[in-house]
PDB file of N, CA and C in Angstrom:
ATOM      1  N   MET A   1      -2.534 -22.546 -11.513  1.00  0.00           N
ATOM      2  CA  MET A   1      -1.820 -21.004 -11.493  1.00  0.00           C
ATOM      3  C   MET A   1      -2.570 -20.816 -12.370  1.00  0.00           C
ATOM      4  N   ALA A   2      -3.483 -19.700 -12.624  1.00  0.00           N
ATOM      5  CA  ALA A   2      -3.415 -19.423 -13.945  1.00  0.00           C
ATOM      6  C   ALA A   2      -2.514 -18.683 -14.661  1.00  0.00           C
ATOM      7  N   LYS A   3      -2.400 -18.446 -15.962  1.00  0.00           N
ATOM      8  CA  LYS A   3      -1.122 -17.512 -16.836  1.00  0.00           C
ATOM      9  C   LYS A   3      -1.730 -16.645 -16.567  1.00  0.00           C
ATOM     10  N   ASP A   4      -2.128 -15.739 -16.262  1.00  0.00           N
ATOM     11  CA  ASP A   4      -1.290 -14.404 -16.061  1.00  0.00           C
ATOM     12  C   ASP A   4      -1.227 -13.962 -14.640  1.00  0.00           C
ATOM     13  N   HIS A   5      -0.845 -15.185 -13.623  1.00  0.00           N
ATOM     14  CA  HIS A   5      -0.982 -14.929 -12.549  1.00  0.00           C
ATOM     15  C   HIS A   5       0.596 -13.914 -11.846  1.00  0.00           C
ATOM     16  N   PRO A   6       0.275 -12.916 -11.299  1.00  0.00           N
ATOM     17  CA  PRO A   6       2.207 -12.114 -10.690  1.00  0.00           C
ATOM     18  C   PRO A   6       3.413 -12.883 -10.619  1.00  0.00           C
ATOM     19  N   THR A   7       4.228 -13.235 -11.364  1.00  0.00           N
ATOM     20  CA  THR A   7       5.350 -14.399 -10.463  1.00  0.00           C
ATOM     21  C   THR A   7       6.031 -13.282  -9.522  1.00  0.00           C
ATOM     22  N   GLY A   8       6.950 -11.317 -10.252  1.00  0.00           N
ATOM     23  CA  GLY A   8       7.855 -10.819  -9.136  1.00  0.00           C
ATOM     24  C   GLY A   8       8.290 -10.663 -10.479  1.00  0.00           C
ATOM     25  N   GLU A   9       8.413 -11.277 -11.499  1.00  0.00           N
ATOM     26  CA  GLU A   9       9.420 -11.128 -12.528  1.00  0.00           C
ATOM     27  C   GLU A   9       8.925 -10.337 -14.134  1.00  0.00           C
ATOM     28  N   SER A  10       7.836  -9.327 -14.105  1.00  0.00           N
ATOM     29  CA  SER A  10       7.630  -8.614 -14.973  1.00  0.00           C
ATOM     30  C   SER A  10       9.246  -7.522 -14.734  1.00  0.00           C
ATOM     31  N   GLY A  11       8.907  -7.031 -16.250  1.00  0.00           N
ATOM     32  CA  GLY A  11       9.370  -5.946 -15.747  1.00  0.00           C
ATOM     33  C   GLY A  11       8.584  -4.489 -15.817  1.00  0.00           C
ATOM     34  N   LEU A  12       7.563  -4.727 -14.940  1.00  0.00           N
ATOM     35  CA  LEU A  12       7.043  -3.610 -13.758  1.00  0.00           C
ATOM     36  C   LEU A  12       7.510  -3.412 -12.791  1.00  0.00           C
ATOM     37  N   TYR A  13       8.503  -3.989 -12.527  1.00  0.00           N
ATOM     38  CA  TYR A  13       8.852  -4.170 -11.331  1.00  0.00           C
ATOM     39  C   TYR A  13      10.529  -2.947 -11.334  1.00  0.00           C
ATOM     40  N   SER A  14      11.049  -2.793 -12.027  1.00  0.00           N
ATOM     41  CA  SER A  14      11.814  -2.550 -12.404  1.00  0.00           C
ATOM     42  C   SER A  14      11.384  -1.616 -13.241  1.00  0.00           C
ATOM     43  N   ALA A  15      10.328  -1.145 -14.174  1.00  0.00           N
ATOM     44  CA  ALA A  15      10.102  -0.022 -14.092  1.00  0.00           C
ATOM     45  C   ALA A  15       9.464   0.873 -13.170  1.00  0.00           C
ATOM     46  N   LEU A  16       8.972   0.061 -12.180  1.00  0.00           N
ATOM     47  CA  LEU A  16       8.977   1.440 -11.432  1.00  0.00           C
ATOM     48  C   LEU A  16       9.949   1.664 -10.461  1.00  0.00           C
ATOM     49  N   LEU A  17      11.317   1.320 -10.399  1.00  0.00           N
ATOM     50  CA  LEU A  17      12.097   1.637  -9.611  1.00  0.00           C
ATOM     51  C   LEU A  17      13.148   3.314 -10.575  1.00  0.00           C
ATOM     52  N   GLU A  18      12.792   2.419 -11.557  1.00  0.00           N
ATOM     53  CA  GLU A  18      12.838   3.818 -12.884  1.00  0.00           C
ATOM     54  C   GLU A  18      12.410   4.938 -12.415  1.00  0.00           C
ATOM     55  N   LEU A  19      11.315   5.544 -11.879  1.00  0.00           N
ATOM     56  CA  LEU A  19      10.028   6.139 -11.756  1.00  0.00           C
ATOM     57  C   LEU A  19      11.361   7.121 -10.838  1.00  0.00           C
ATOM     58  N   LYS A  20      10.914   8.774 -11.295  1.00  0.00           N
ATOM     59  CA  LYS A  20      11.987   9.737  -9.957  1.00  0.00           C
ATOM     60  C   LYS A  20      10.649  10.576  -9.357  1.00  0.00           C
ATOM     61  N   THR A  21       9.617  10.373  -9.445  1.00  0.00           N
ATOM     62  CA  THR A  21       8.464  11.406  -8.736  1.00  0.00           C
ATOM     63  C   THR A  21       7.684  10.899  -8.040  1.00  0.00           C
ATOM     64  N   PRO A  22       7.074  11.323  -6.965  1.00  0.00           N
ATOM     65  CA  PRO A  22       5.711  10.743  -6.779  1.00  0.00           C
ATOM     66  C   PRO A  22       4.433  10.870  -8.133  1.00  0.00           C
ATOM     67  N   GLU A  23       4.487  12.261  -8.919  1.00  0.00           N
ATOM     68  CA  GLU A  23       4.238  12.328  -9.910  1.00  0.00           C
ATOM     69  C   GLU A  23       4.428  11.721 -11.011  1.00  0.00           C
ATOM     70  N   GLU A  24       5.143  11.206 -11.232  1.00  0.00           N
ATOM     71  CA  GLU A  24       5.587  10.548 -12.593  1.00  0.00           C
ATOM     72  C   GLU A  24       4.652   9.088 -11.788  1.00  0.00           C
ATOM     73  N   CYS A  25       5.271   8.141 -11.177  1.00  0.00           N
ATOM     74  CA  CYS A  25       4.996   7.527  -9.948  1.00  0.00           C
ATOM     75  C   CYS A  25       3.186   7.066 -10.205  1.00  0.00           C
ATOM     76  N   TYR A  26       2.241   8.481  -9.830  1.00  0.00           N
ATOM     77  CA  TYR A  26       0.945   8.706 -10.069  1.00  0.00           C
ATOM     78  C   TYR A  26       0.445   8.031 -11.712  1.00  0.00           C
ATOM     79  N   ARG A  27       0.686   8.918 -12.895  1.00  0.00           N
ATOM     80  CA  ARG A  27       0.979   8.591 -13.661  1.00  0.00           C
ATOM     81  C   ARG A  27       1.399   8.152 -14.415  1.00  0.00           C
ATOM     82  N   PHE A  28       2.051   6.640 -13.905  1.00  0.00           N
ATOM     83  CA  PHE A  28       2.678   5.154 -14.356  1.00  0.00           C
ATOM     84  C   PHE A  28       1.143   4.656 -13.877  1.00  0.00           C
ATOM     85  N   LEU A  29       1.256   5.087 -12.730  1.00  0.00           N
ATOM     86  CA  LEU A  29       0.520   4.081 -12.551  1.00  0.00           C
ATOM     87  C   LEU A  29      -1.458   3.798 -12.908  1.00  0.00           C
ATOM     88  N   GLN A  30      -1.294   5.131 -13.465  1.00  0.00           N
ATOM     89  CA  GLN A  30      -2.719   5.539 -14.504  1.00  0.00           C
ATOM     90  C   GLN A  30      -2.669   4.983 -15.376  1.00  0.00           C
ATOM     91  N   ASP A  31      -1.379   4.714 -15.969  1.00  0.00           N
ATOM     92  CA  ASP A  31      -1.513   4.368 -17.035  1.00  0.00           C
ATOM     93  C   ASP A  31      -1.629   2.363 -16.892  1.00  0.00           C
ATOM     94  N   VAL A  32      -0.847   1.801 -16.291  1.00  0.00           N
ATOM     95  CA  VAL A  32      -1.340   0.455 -15.627  1.00  0.00           C
ATOM     96  C   VAL A  32      -2.650  -0.163 -15.691  1.00  0.00           C
ATOM     97  N   CYS A  33      -3.078   0.726 -14.251  1.00  0.00           N
ATOM     98  CA  CYS A  33      -4.162   0.785 -13.406  1.00  0.00           C
ATOM     99  C   CYS A  33      -5.800   1.340 -13.821  1.00  0.00           C
ATOM    100  N   SER A  34      -6.415   0.074 -13.359  1.00  0.00           N
ATOM    101  CA  SER A  34      -7.901   0.923 -13.797  1.00  0.00           C
ATOM    102  C   SER A  34      -8.112   2.496 -12.252  1.00  0.00           C
ATOM    103  N   TYR A  35      -8.983   3.068 -13.120  1.00  0.00           N
ATOM    104  CA  TYR A  35      -9.401   3.334 -11.699  1.00  0.00           C
ATOM    105  C   TYR A  35      -9.421   2.880 -10.536  1.00  0.00           C
ATOM    106  N   ALA A  36     -10.375   1.759 -10.649  1.00  0.00           N
ATOM    107  CA  ALA A  36     -11.220   0.893  -8.993  1.00  0.00           C
ATOM    108  C   ALA A  36      -9.232   0.862  -8.866  1.00  0.00           C
ATOM    109  N   GLU A  37      -8.445   0.023  -9.338  1.00  0.00           N
ATOM    110  CA  GLU A  37      -7.952  -0.613  -8.766  1.00  0.00           C
ATOM    111  C   GLU A  37      -6.625   0.321  -8.093  1.00  0.00           C
ATOM    112  N   LEU A  38      -6.264   1.374  -8.860  1.00  0.00           N
ATOM    113  CA  LEU A  38      -5.856   2.292  -8.268  1.00  0.00           C
ATOM    114  C   LEU A  38      -5.832   3.109  -6.478  1.00  0.00           C
ATOM    115  N   SER A  39      -7.759   2.707  -6.976  1.00  0.00           N
ATOM    116  CA  SER A  39      -7.873   3.428  -5.787  1.00  0.00           C
ATOM    117  C   SER A  39      -8.182   2.626  -4.629  1.00  0.00           C
ATOM    118  N   ALA A  40      -7.899   1.299  -4.707  1.00  0.00           N
ATOM    119  CA  ALA A  40      -7.825   0.023  -4.196  1.00  0.00           C
ATOM    120  C   ALA A  40      -6.608   0.233  -3.023  1.00  0.00           C
ATOM    121  N   MET A  41      -5.583   0.054  -4.003  1.00  0.00           N
ATOM    122  CA  MET A  41      -4.302   0.371  -3.905  1.00  0.00           C
ATOM    123  C   MET A  41      -4.346   1.426  -2.699  1.00  0.00           C
ATOM    124  N   GLU A  42      -4.724   2.335  -2.863  1.00  0.00           N
ATOM    125  CA  GLU A  42      -3.652   3.687  -2.121  1.00  0.00           C
ATOM    126  C   GLU A  42      -4.937   3.180  -1.178  1.00  0.00           C
ATOM    127  N   GLN A  43      -6.154   3.413  -1.000  1.00  0.00           N
ATOM    128  CA  GLN A  43      -7.510   3.149   0.375  1.00  0.00           C
ATOM    129  C   GLN A  43      -6.140   2.050   1.285  1.00  0.00           C
ATOM    130  N   ARG A  44      -5.889   0.397   1.123  1.00  0.00           N
ATOM    131  CA  ARG A  44      -5.060  -0.021   1.433  1.00  0.00           C
ATOM    132  C   ARG A  44      -4.029   0.829   1.526  1.00  0.00           C
ATOM    133  N   TYR A  45      -3.120   1.763   1.110  1.00  0.00           N
ATOM    134  CA  TYR A  45      -1.932   2.043   2.095  1.00  0.00           C
ATOM    135  C   TYR A  45      -1.993   2.962   3.276  1.00  0.00           C
ATOM    136  N   ASN A  46      -3.194   3.702   2.400  1.00  0.00           N
ATOM    137  CA  ASN A  46      -4.219   4.368   3.318  1.00  0.00           C
ATOM    138  C   ASN A  46      -4.241   3.880   5.207  1.00  0.00           C
ATOM    139  N   ILE A  47      -4.560   2.683   4.381  1.00  0.00           N
ATOM    140  CA  ILE A  47      -5.304   1.824   5.991  1.00  0.00           C
ATOM    141  C   ILE A  47      -4.185   1.146   6.504  1.00  0.00           C
ATOM    142  N   ALA A  48      -2.701   0.796   5.670  1.00  0.00           N
ATOM    143  CA  ALA A  48      -1.322   0.796   6.722  1.00  0.00           C
ATOM    144  C   ALA A  48      -1.049   1.444   7.578  1.00  0.00           C
ATOM    145  N   GLU A  49      -1.344   3.062   6.713  1.00  0.00           N
ATOM    146  CA  GLU A  49      -0.536   4.326   7.987  1.00  0.00           C
ATOM    147  C   GLU A  49      -1.255   3.919   9.068  1.00  0.00           C
ATOM    148  N   LYS A  50      -2.367   3.699   8.892  1.00  0.00           N
ATOM    149  CA  LYS A  50      -3.334   4.173  10.265  1.00  0.00           C
ATOM    150  C   LYS A  50      -2.874   3.349  11.432  1.00  0.00           C
ATOM    151  N   LEU A  51      -3.187   1.611  10.578  1.00  0.00           N
ATOM    152  CA  LEU A  51      -2.680   0.852  11.888  1.00  0.00           C
ATOM    153  C   LEU A  51      -1.445   0.397  12.046  1.00  0.00           C
ATOM    154  N   VAL A  52      -0.296   1.123  11.743  1.00  0.00           N
ATOM    155  CA  VAL A  52       1.141   0.948  12.375  1.00  0.00           C
ATOM    156  C   VAL A  52       1.046   2.595  12.554  1.00  0.00           C
ATOM    157  N   SER A  53       0.054   4.032  13.116  1.00  0.00           N
ATOM    158  CA  SER A  53       0.600   4.081  14.072  1.00  0.00           C
ATOM    159  C   SER A  53      -0.890   3.981  14.806  1.00  0.00           C
ATOM    160  N   LYS A  54      -0.968   2.741  14.841  1.00  0.00           N
ATOM    161  CA  LYS A  54      -1.916   2.184  16.340  1.00  0.00           C
ATOM    162  C   LYS A  54      -3.496   2.673  16.117  1.00  0.00           C
ATOM    163  N   GLN A  55      -4.439   2.937  15.250  1.00  0.00           N
ATOM    164  CA  GLN A  55      -5.420   3.143  15.082  1.00  0.00           C
ATOM    165  C   GLN A  55      -6.013   2.589  14.437  1.00  0.00           C
ATOM    166  N   SER A  56      -7.240   2.630  15.856  1.00  0.00           N
ATOM    167  CA  SER A  56      -8.675   1.149  15.876  1.00  0.00           C
ATOM    168  C   SER A  56      -9.201   1.258  14.325  1.00  0.00           C
ATOM    169  N   TYR A  57      -9.335  -0.362  14.354  1.00  0.00           N
ATOM    170  CA  TYR A  57     -10.538  -0.409  13.342  1.00  0.00           C
ATOM    171  C   TYR A  57     -11.898   0.230  12.855  1.00  0.00           C
ATOM    172  N   THR A  58     -12.123   0.457  14.357  1.00  0.00           N
ATOM    173  CA  THR A  58     -13.468   1.589  14.072  1.00  0.00           C
ATOM    174  C   THR A  58     -12.835   2.775  13.556  1.00  0.00           C
ATOM    175  N   SER A  59     -12.418   3.430  13.881  1.00  0.00           N
ATOM    176  CA  SER A  59     -11.528   5.141  13.179  1.00  0.00           C
ATOM    177  C   SER A  59     -11.089   4.640  12.387  1.00  0.00           C
ATOM    178  N   ILE A  60     -10.406   3.978  11.636  1.00  0.00           N
ATOM    179  CA  ILE A  60     -10.688   3.556  10.338  1.00  0.00           C
ATOM    180  C   ILE A  60     -11.512   3.764   9.236  1.00  0.00           C
ATOM    181  N   MET A  61     -12.162   2.577   9.562  1.00  0.00           N
ATOM    182  CA  MET A  61     -13.584   2.553   8.852  1.00  0.00           C
ATOM    183  C   MET A  61     -14.534   3.785   9.257  1.00  0.00           C
ATOM    184  N   GLY A  62     -14.633   5.069   9.896  1.00  0.00           N
ATOM    185  CA  GLY A  62     -14.567   6.553   9.681  1.00  0.00           C
ATOM    186  C   GLY A  62     -14.047   7.032   9.090  1.00  0.00           C
ATOM    187  N   ASN A  63     -12.839   6.682   8.911  1.00  0.00           N
ATOM    188  CA  ASN A  63     -12.227   8.060   8.232  1.00  0.00           C
ATOM    189  C   ASN A  63     -12.336   7.430   7.092  1.00  0.00           C
ATOM    190  N   ILE A  64     -11.850   6.012   6.335  1.00  0.00           N
ATOM    191  CA  ILE A  64     -11.332   6.008   4.753  1.00  0.00           C
ATOM    192  C   ILE A  64     -12.831   5.322   4.049  1.00  0.00           C
ATOM    193  N   GLY A  65     -13.786   4.693   5.525  1.00  0.00           N
ATOM    194  CA  GLY A  65     -14.983   4.598   4.146  1.00  0.00           C
ATOM    195  C   GLY A  65     -14.787   2.925   4.413  1.00  0.00           C
ATOM    196  N   ALA A  66     -13.177   2.432   5.155  1.00  0.00           N
ATOM    197  CA  ALA A  66     -13.168   1.102   4.171  1.00  0.00           C
ATOM    198  C   ALA A  66     -14.057  -0.648   4.959  1.00  0.00           C
ATOM    199  N   SER A  67     -13.810  -1.762   4.643  1.00  0.00           N
ATOM    200  CA  SER A  67     -15.069  -2.533   5.469  1.00  0.00           C
ATOM    201  C   SER A  67     -14.057  -2.968   6.878  1.00  0.00           C
ATOM    202  N   SER A  68     -15.001  -3.745   6.907  1.00  0.00           N
ATOM    203  CA  SER A  68     -13.771  -4.328   8.329  1.00  0.00           C
ATOM    204  C   SER A  68     -12.928  -5.626   7.746  1.00  0.00           C
ATOM    205  N   ALA A  69     -13.565  -6.281   6.785  1.00  0.00           N
ATOM    206  CA  ALA A  69     -12.951  -7.250   6.005  1.00  0.00           C
ATOM    207  C   ALA A  69     -11.487  -6.738   5.309  1.00  0.00           C
ATOM    208  N   ILE A  70     -11.736  -5.495   5.008  1.00  0.00           N
ATOM    209  CA  ILE A  70     -10.257  -5.103   3.589  1.00  0.00           C
ATOM    210  C   ILE A  70      -8.984  -4.542   4.756  1.00  0.00           C
ATOM    211  N   ILE A  71     -10.123  -4.056   5.826  1.00  0.00           N
ATOM    212  CA  ILE A  71      -8.679  -3.427   7.036  1.00  0.00           C
ATOM    213  C   ILE A  71      -8.168  -4.629   7.691  1.00  0.00           C
ATOM    214  N   SER A  72      -9.139  -6.183   7.730  1.00  0.00           N
ATOM    215  CA  SER A  72      -8.183  -6.744   8.424  1.00  0.00           C
ATOM    216  C   SER A  72      -7.169  -7.215   7.823  1.00  0.00           C
ATOM    217  N   ARG A  73      -7.222  -7.343   6.047  1.00  0.00           N
ATOM    218  CA  ARG A  73      -6.785  -8.191   4.791  1.00  0.00           C
ATOM    219  C   ARG A  73      -5.289  -7.181   5.155  1.00  0.00           C
ATOM    220  N   VAL A  74      -5.588  -6.455   5.264  1.00  0.00           N
ATOM    221  CA  VAL A  74      -4.494  -5.522   5.497  1.00  0.00           C
ATOM    222  C   VAL A  74      -3.451  -5.398   6.903  1.00  0.00           C
ATOM    223  N   SER A  75      -4.620  -5.878   7.971  1.00  0.00           N
ATOM    224  CA  SER A  75      -3.288  -6.132   8.471  1.00  0.00           C
ATOM    225  C   SER A  75      -2.763  -7.078   9.215  1.00  0.00           C
ATOM    226  N   ARG A  76      -3.530  -8.122   8.674  1.00  0.00           N
ATOM    227  CA  ARG A  76      -2.756  -9.522   8.798  1.00  0.00           C
ATOM    228  C   ARG A  76      -1.898  -9.126   7.721  1.00  0.00           C
ATOM    229  N   VAL A  77      -1.794  -8.033   6.149  1.00  0.00           N
ATOM    230  CA  VAL A  77      -0.278  -8.585   5.551  1.00  0.00           C
ATOM    231  C   VAL A  77       0.650  -7.396   6.237  1.00  0.00           C
ATOM    232  N   ILE A  78       1.043  -6.905   6.731  1.00  0.00           N
ATOM    233  CA  ILE A  78       1.145  -5.877   7.902  1.00  0.00           C
ATOM    234  C   ILE A  78       1.595  -6.515   9.623  1.00  0.00           C
ATOM    235  N   SER A  79       1.539  -7.965   9.713  1.00  0.00           N
ATOM    236  CA  SER A  79       2.114  -8.540  10.429  1.00  0.00           C
ATOM    237  C   SER A  79       2.356  -9.718  10.582  1.00  0.00           C
ATOM    238  N   LYS A  80       2.859  -9.249   9.296  1.00  0.00           N
ATOM    239  CA  LYS A  80       3.846 -10.464   8.912  1.00  0.00           C
ATOM    240  C   LYS A  80       5.120 -10.197   8.648  1.00  0.00           C
ATOM    241  N   ASP A  81       6.242 -10.796   9.545  1.00  0.00           N
ATOM    242  CA  ASP A  81       6.874 -10.391  10.058  1.00  0.00           C
ATOM    243  C   ASP A  81       8.335 -10.365   8.705  1.00  0.00           C
ATOM    244  N   ASP A  82       7.535 -10.186   7.551  1.00  0.00           N
ATOM    245  CA  ASP A  82       9.450  -9.968   6.798  1.00  0.00           C
ATOM    246  C   ASP A  82       8.198  -8.901   5.428  1.00  0.00           C
ATOM    247  N   SER A  83       6.958  -7.814   6.246  1.00  0.00           N
ATOM    248  CA  SER A  83       6.062  -7.414   5.332  1.00  0.00           C
ATOM    249  C   SER A  83       7.082  -6.358   5.156  1.00  0.00           C
ATOM    250  N   VAL A  84       7.213  -5.739   3.791  1.00  0.00           N
ATOM    251  CA  VAL A  84       7.982  -4.761   2.917  1.00  0.00           C
ATOM    252  C   VAL A  84       7.018  -3.450   3.211  1.00  0.00           C
ATOM    253  N   LEU A  85       5.627  -3.566   3.350  1.00  0.00           N
ATOM    254  CA  LEU A  85       5.007  -2.570   3.510  1.00  0.00           C
ATOM    255  C   LEU A  85       4.725  -1.872   4.923  1.00  0.00           C
ATOM    256  N   ARG A  86       4.914  -2.273   6.122  1.00  0.00           N
ATOM    257  CA  ARG A  86       5.248  -2.048   7.622  1.00  0.00           C
ATOM    258  C   ARG A  86       6.638  -1.134   7.306  1.00  0.00           C
ATOM    259  N   ARG A  87       7.232  -2.570   6.810  1.00  0.00           N
ATOM    260  CA  ARG A  87       8.554  -1.766   6.945  1.00  0.00           C
ATOM    261  C   ARG A  87       8.860  -0.261   6.552  1.00  0.00           C
ATOM    262  N   LEU A  88       8.357  -0.141   5.079  1.00  0.00           N
ATOM    263  CA  LEU A  88       8.491   1.177   4.354  1.00  0.00           C
ATOM    264  C   LEU A  88       7.874   2.574   5.598  1.00  0.00           C
ATOM    265  N   LEU A  89       6.622   1.582   6.005  1.00  0.00           N
ATOM    266  CA  LEU A  89       5.961   2.605   6.670  1.00  0.00           C
ATOM    267  C   LEU A  89       5.875   2.766   8.514  1.00  0.00           C
ATOM    268  N   GLU A  90       6.851   1.712   8.631  1.00  0.00           N
ATOM    269  CA  GLU A  90       7.957   2.064  10.075  1.00  0.00           C
ATOM    270  C   GLU A  90       9.246   3.226  10.181  1.00  0.00           C
ATOM    271  N   GLU A  91       9.861   2.891   8.638  1.00  0.00           N
ATOM    272  CA  GLU A  91      11.085   3.991   8.409  1.00  0.00           C
ATOM    273  C   GLU A  91      10.643   5.308   8.183  1.00  0.00           C
ATOM    274  N   LYS A  92       9.392   5.612   7.527  1.00  0.00           N
ATOM    275  CA  LYS A  92       8.663   6.571   7.290  1.00  0.00           C
ATOM    276  C   LYS A  92       8.487   7.208   8.867  1.00  0.00           C
ATOM    277  N   ALA A  93       7.247   6.738   9.330  1.00  0.00           N
ATOM    278  CA  ALA A  93       7.474   7.187  10.984  1.00  0.00           C
ATOM    279  C   ALA A  93       8.700   7.848  11.273  1.00  0.00           C
ATOM    280  N   ASP A  94       9.678   6.853  12.117  1.00  0.00           N
ATOM    281  CA  ASP A  94      10.705   7.066  12.478  1.00  0.00           C
ATOM    282  C   ASP A  94      11.219   8.516  12.138  1.00  0.00           C
ATOM    283  N   ALA A  95      11.582   8.755  10.274  1.00  0.00           N
ATOM    284  CA  ALA A  95      12.375   9.902  10.076  1.00  0.00           C
ATOM    285  C   ALA A  95      11.573  10.942  10.253  1.00  0.00           C
ATOM    286  N   ALA A  96      10.617  10.608  10.056  1.00  0.00           N
ATOM    287  CA  ALA A  96       9.042  11.726  10.615  1.00  0.00           C
ATOM    288  C   ALA A  96       8.836  12.753  11.993  1.00  0.00           C
ATOM    289  N   THR A  97       9.464  12.029  12.760  1.00  0.00           N
ATOM    290  CA  THR A  97       9.587  12.035  14.257  1.00  0.00           C
ATOM    291  C   THR A  97      10.942  12.907  14.501  1.00  0.00           C
ATOM    292  N   GLU A  98      12.094  11.683  13.659  1.00  0.00           N
ATOM    293  CA  GLU A  98      13.304  12.849  14.310  1.00  0.00           C
ATOM    294  C   GLU A  98      13.898  13.933  13.391  1.00  0.00           C
ATOM    295  N   GLU A  99      12.397  14.962  12.589  1.00  0.00           N
ATOM    296  CA  GLU A  99      12.490  15.505  11.871  1.00  0.00           C
ATOM    297  C   GLU A  99      12.301  17.297  13.061  1.00  0.00           C
TER     298      GLU A  99
END
């Protein structure tokens, strides 16, 4: 395992929990991520939203411009039983339908 492999034990995760607004989170992530890293995270989140709402790979490829490989990777992540990303997106969708 690489010396700098993420362990989940860094102060980074506690720092994320201290952020109060989406703007503050965005600015923090700009501080710690490159433009490419932040763009990739946003793209993957957007793909996950679309997959959770049952959009097809073809539709996602056309709307977001992501490759089928990236869409497939995100699909595998949200298909796991313990996917926090899927849980958050489903809760968000449920809250939106309750409004």
